[in-house]
Amino acid sequence: MKSKKKITLACSECKNKNYTVNKSIESRLEIQKFCKNCNAKTLHKEEK
């Protein structure tokens, strides 16, 4: 069983760090989420 790792998601438009999530998969995470700075739903990517 793999352990979960806490990661930060950053908006691809404004580069703001908006969300933290627990991740248990190896691949890079990309999710559509609401960004309060852009005031729209944008793609959020896992930070390096």
PDB file of N, CA and C in Angstrom:
ATOM      1  N   MET A   1       0.840  -1.189   0.000  1.00  0.00           N
ATOM      2  CA  MET A   1       0.000   0.000   0.000  1.00  0.00           C
ATOM      3  C   MET A   1       0.877   1.242   0.000  1.00  0.00           C
ATOM      4  N   LYS A   2       0.571   2.160  -0.883  1.00  0.00           N
ATOM      5  CA  LYS A   2       1.366   3.381  -0.995  1.00  0.00           C
ATOM      6  C   LYS A   2       0.918   4.397   0.043  1.00  0.00           C
ATOM      7  N   SER A   3       1.857   5.175   0.521  1.00  0.00           N
ATOM      8  CA  SER A   3       1.503   6.225   1.472  1.00  0.00           C
ATOM      9  C   SER A   3       1.054   7.475   0.723  1.00  0.00           C
ATOM     10  N   LYS A   4       0.203   8.254   1.374  1.00  0.00           N
ATOM     11  CA  LYS A   4      -0.283   9.484   0.760  1.00  0.00           C
ATOM     12  C   LYS A   4       0.698  10.605   1.035  1.00  0.00           C
ATOM     13  N   LYS A   5       0.799  11.514   0.086  1.00  0.00           N
ATOM     14  CA  LYS A   5       1.750  12.612   0.151  1.00  0.00           C
ATOM     15  C   LYS A   5       0.974  13.913  -0.023  1.00  0.00           C
ATOM     16  N   LYS A   6       1.227  14.917   0.801  1.00  0.00           N
ATOM     17  CA  LYS A   6       0.542  16.199   0.701  1.00  0.00           C
ATOM     18  C   LYS A   6       1.248  17.063  -0.336  1.00  0.00           C
ATOM     19  N   ILE A   7       0.474  17.552  -1.325  1.00  0.00           N
ATOM     20  CA  ILE A   7       1.037  18.378  -2.390  1.00  0.00           C
ATOM     21  C   ILE A   7       0.277  19.690  -2.496  1.00  0.00           C
ATOM     22  N   THR A   8       0.856  20.654  -3.183  1.00  0.00           N
ATOM     23  CA  THR A   8       0.237  21.954  -3.410  1.00  0.00           C
ATOM     24  C   THR A   8      -0.094  22.095  -4.886  1.00  0.00           C
ATOM     25  N   LEU A   9      -1.283  22.640  -5.166  1.00  0.00           N
ATOM     26  CA  LEU A   9      -1.714  22.890  -6.537  1.00  0.00           C
ATOM     27  C   LEU A   9      -1.637  24.383  -6.818  1.00  0.00           C
ATOM     28  N   ALA A  10      -1.079  24.738  -7.970  1.00  0.00           N
ATOM     29  CA  ALA A  10      -0.940  26.141  -8.365  1.00  0.00           C
ATOM     30  C   ALA A  10      -1.712  26.385  -9.659  1.00  0.00           C
ATOM     31  N   CYS A  11      -2.313  27.550  -9.747  1.00  0.00           N
ATOM     32  CA  CYS A  11      -3.074  27.945 -10.929  1.00  0.00           C
ATOM     33  C   CYS A  11      -2.113  28.106 -12.109  1.00  0.00           C
ATOM     34  N   SER A  12      -2.513  27.596 -13.273  1.00  0.00           N
ATOM     35  CA  SER A  12      -1.654  27.695 -14.454  1.00  0.00           C
ATOM     36  C   SER A  12      -1.690  29.097 -15.066  1.00  0.00           C
ATOM     37  N   GLU A  13      -2.713  29.897 -14.754  1.00  0.00           N
ATOM     38  CA  GLU A  13      -2.833  31.256 -15.282  1.00  0.00           C
ATOM     39  C   GLU A  13      -2.036  32.267 -14.450  1.00  0.00           C
ATOM     40  N   CYS A  14      -2.352  32.361 -13.156  1.00  0.00           N
ATOM     41  CA  CYS A  14      -1.741  33.404 -12.312  1.00  0.00           C
ATOM     42  C   CYS A  14      -0.620  32.869 -11.418  1.00  0.00           C
ATOM     43  N   LYS A  15      -0.392  31.560 -11.417  1.00  0.00           N
ATOM     44  CA  LYS A  15       0.678  30.893 -10.654  1.00  0.00           C
ATOM     45  C   LYS A  15       0.499  30.984  -9.132  1.00  0.00           C
ATOM     46  N   ASN A  16      -0.718  31.284  -8.666  1.00  0.00           N
ATOM     47  CA  ASN A  16      -0.988  31.340  -7.235  1.00  0.00           C
ATOM     48  C   ASN A  16      -1.194  29.939  -6.675  1.00  0.00           C
ATOM     49  N   LYS A  17      -0.713  29.690  -5.470  1.00  0.00           N
ATOM     50  CA  LYS A  17      -0.888  28.404  -4.804  1.00  0.00           C
ATOM     51  C   LYS A  17      -2.200  28.451  -4.036  1.00  0.00           C
ATOM     52  N   ASN A  18      -3.212  27.732  -4.545  1.00  0.00           N
ATOM     53  CA  ASN A  18      -4.555  27.832  -4.001  1.00  0.00           C
ATOM     54  C   ASN A  18      -5.000  26.633  -3.175  1.00  0.00           C
ATOM     55  N   TYR A  19      -4.558  25.448  -3.504  1.00  0.00           N
ATOM     56  CA  TYR A  19      -5.090  24.240  -2.888  1.00  0.00           C
ATOM     57  C   TYR A  19      -3.970  23.315  -2.417  1.00  0.00           C
ATOM     58  N   THR A  20      -4.254  22.546  -1.360  1.00  0.00           N
ATOM     59  CA  THR A  20      -3.399  21.439  -0.940  1.00  0.00           C
ATOM     60  C   THR A  20      -4.266  20.194  -0.909  1.00  0.00           C
ATOM     61  N   VAL A  21      -3.737  19.083  -1.413  1.00  0.00           N
ATOM     62  CA  VAL A  21      -4.467  17.816  -1.471  1.00  0.00           C
ATOM     63  C   VAL A  21      -3.534  16.675  -1.107  1.00  0.00           C
ATOM     64  N   ASN A  22      -4.135  15.555  -0.703  1.00  0.00           N
ATOM     65  CA  ASN A  22      -3.380  14.330  -0.468  1.00  0.00           C
ATOM     66  C   ASN A  22      -3.352  13.538  -1.759  1.00  0.00           C
ATOM     67  N   LYS A  23      -2.183  13.026  -2.103  1.00  0.00           N
ATOM     68  CA  LYS A  23      -2.000  12.319  -3.374  1.00  0.00           C
ATOM     69  C   LYS A  23      -1.390  10.959  -3.114  1.00  0.00           C
ATOM     70  N   SER A  24      -1.929   9.945  -3.781  1.00  0.00           N
ATOM     71  CA  SER A  24      -1.393   8.595  -3.623  1.00  0.00           C
ATOM     72  C   SER A  24      -0.945   7.987  -4.941  1.00  0.00           C
ATOM     73  N   ILE A  25      -1.008   8.755  -6.046  1.00  0.00           N
ATOM     74  CA  ILE A  25      -0.574   8.250  -7.348  1.00  0.00           C
ATOM     75  C   ILE A  25       0.772   8.866  -7.717  1.00  0.00           C
ATOM     76  N   GLU A  26       1.468   8.242  -8.631  1.00  0.00           N
ATOM     77  CA  GLU A  26       2.811   8.688  -9.001  1.00  0.00           C
ATOM     78  C   GLU A  26       2.820   9.785 -10.062  1.00  0.00           C
ATOM     79  N   SER A  27       1.817   9.812 -10.940  1.00  0.00           N
ATOM     80  CA  SER A  27       1.826  10.776 -12.043  1.00  0.00           C
ATOM     81  C   SER A  27       1.521  12.193 -11.548  1.00  0.00           C
ATOM     82  N   ARG A  28       1.867  13.189 -12.383  1.00  0.00           N
ATOM     83  CA  ARG A  28       1.623  14.591 -12.054  1.00  0.00           C
ATOM     84  C   ARG A  28       0.122  14.870 -12.081  1.00  0.00           C
ATOM     85  N   LEU A  29      -0.356  15.603 -11.110  1.00  0.00           N
ATOM     86  CA  LEU A  29      -1.777  15.875 -10.971  1.00  0.00           C
ATOM     87  C   LEU A  29      -2.158  17.185 -11.647  1.00  0.00           C
ATOM     88  N   GLU A  30      -3.236  17.166 -12.447  1.00  0.00           N
ATOM     89  CA  GLU A  30      -3.771  18.359 -13.106  1.00  0.00           C
ATOM     90  C   GLU A  30      -5.287  18.312 -12.976  1.00  0.00           C
ATOM     91  N   ILE A  31      -5.864  19.346 -12.328  1.00  0.00           N
ATOM     92  CA  ILE A  31      -7.293  19.369 -12.052  1.00  0.00           C
ATOM     93  C   ILE A  31      -7.865  20.740 -12.400  1.00  0.00           C
ATOM     94  N   GLN A  32      -9.095  20.757 -12.917  1.00  0.00           N
ATOM     95  CA  GLN A  32      -9.821  22.003 -13.137  1.00  0.00           C
ATOM     96  C   GLN A  32     -10.409  22.430 -11.797  1.00  0.00           C
ATOM     97  N   LYS A  33      -9.999  23.591 -11.281  1.00  0.00           N
ATOM     98  CA  LYS A  33     -10.508  24.106 -10.010  1.00  0.00           C
ATOM     99  C   LYS A  33     -10.776  25.593 -10.142  1.00  0.00           C
ATOM    100  N   PHE A  34     -11.556  26.136  -9.194  1.00  0.00           N
ATOM    101  CA  PHE A  34     -11.858  27.561  -9.202  1.00  0.00           C
ATOM    102  C   PHE A  34     -10.708  28.335  -8.577  1.00  0.00           C
ATOM    103  N   CYS A  35     -10.262  29.398  -9.258  1.00  0.00           N
ATOM    104  CA  CYS A  35      -9.210  30.276  -8.752  1.00  0.00           C
ATOM    105  C   CYS A  35      -9.858  31.599  -8.362  1.00  0.00           C
ATOM    106  N   LYS A  36      -9.720  31.988  -7.094  1.00  0.00           N
ATOM    107  CA  LYS A  36     -10.366  33.225  -6.638  1.00  0.00           C
ATOM    108  C   LYS A  36      -9.682  34.467  -7.200  1.00  0.00           C
ATOM    109  N   ASN A  37      -8.422  34.374  -7.592  1.00  0.00           N
ATOM    110  CA  ASN A  37      -7.721  35.520  -8.167  1.00  0.00           C
ATOM    111  C   ASN A  37      -8.103  35.751  -9.628  1.00  0.00           C
ATOM    112  N   CYS A  38      -8.269  34.675 -10.392  1.00  0.00           N
ATOM    113  CA  CYS A  38      -8.682  34.780 -11.789  1.00  0.00           C
ATOM    114  C   CYS A  38     -10.201  34.897 -11.903  1.00  0.00           C
ATOM    115  N   ASN A  39     -10.900  34.515 -10.844  1.00  0.00           N
ATOM    116  CA  ASN A  39     -12.361  34.514 -10.789  1.00  0.00           C
ATOM    117  C   ASN A  39     -12.959  33.626 -11.883  1.00  0.00           C
ATOM    118  N   ALA A  40     -12.315  32.479 -12.100  1.00  0.00           N
ATOM    119  CA  ALA A  40     -12.780  31.531 -13.113  1.00  0.00           C
ATOM    120  C   ALA A  40     -12.235  30.142 -12.802  1.00  0.00           C
ATOM    121  N   LYS A  41     -12.791  29.146 -13.477  1.00  0.00           N
ATOM    122  CA  LYS A  41     -12.284  27.783 -13.362  1.00  0.00           C
ATOM    123  C   LYS A  41     -11.080  27.642 -14.268  1.00  0.00           C
ATOM    124  N   THR A  42      -9.931  27.300 -13.712  1.00  0.00           N
ATOM    125  CA  THR A  42      -8.709  27.161 -14.493  1.00  0.00           C
ATOM    126  C   THR A  42      -8.020  25.836 -14.162  1.00  0.00           C
ATOM    127  N   LEU A  43      -7.062  25.485 -14.969  1.00  0.00           N
ATOM    128  CA  LEU A  43      -6.286  24.270 -14.748  1.00  0.00           C
ATOM    129  C   LEU A  43      -5.282  24.511 -13.629  1.00  0.00           C
ATOM    130  N   HIS A  44      -5.305  23.657 -12.620  1.00  0.00           N
ATOM    131  CA  HIS A  44      -4.350  23.729 -11.518  1.00  0.00           C
ATOM    132  C   HIS A  44      -3.404  22.536 -11.632  1.00  0.00           C
ATOM    133  N   LYS A  45      -2.109  22.805 -11.554  1.00  0.00           N
ATOM    134  CA  LYS A  45      -1.102  21.754 -11.705  1.00  0.00           C
ATOM    135  C   LYS A  45      -0.331  21.571 -10.409  1.00  0.00           C
ATOM    136  N   GLU A  46       0.165  20.358 -10.233  1.00  0.00           N
ATOM    137  CA  GLU A  46       0.993  20.032  -9.081  1.00  0.00           C
ATOM    138  C   GLU A  46       2.318  20.797  -9.177  1.00  0.00           C
ATOM    139  N   GLU A  47       2.735  21.366  -8.040  1.00  0.00           N
ATOM    140  CA  GLU A  47       4.018  22.082  -8.015  1.00  0.00           C
ATOM    141  C   GLU A  47       5.175  21.111  -7.979  1.00  0.00           C
ATOM    142  N   LYS A  48       6.318  21.569  -8.429  1.00  0.00           N
ATOM    143  CA  LYS A  48       7.533  20.741  -8.411  1.00  0.00           C
ATOM    144  C   LYS A  48       8.071  20.595  -7.010  1.00  0.00           C
TER     145      LYS A  48
END
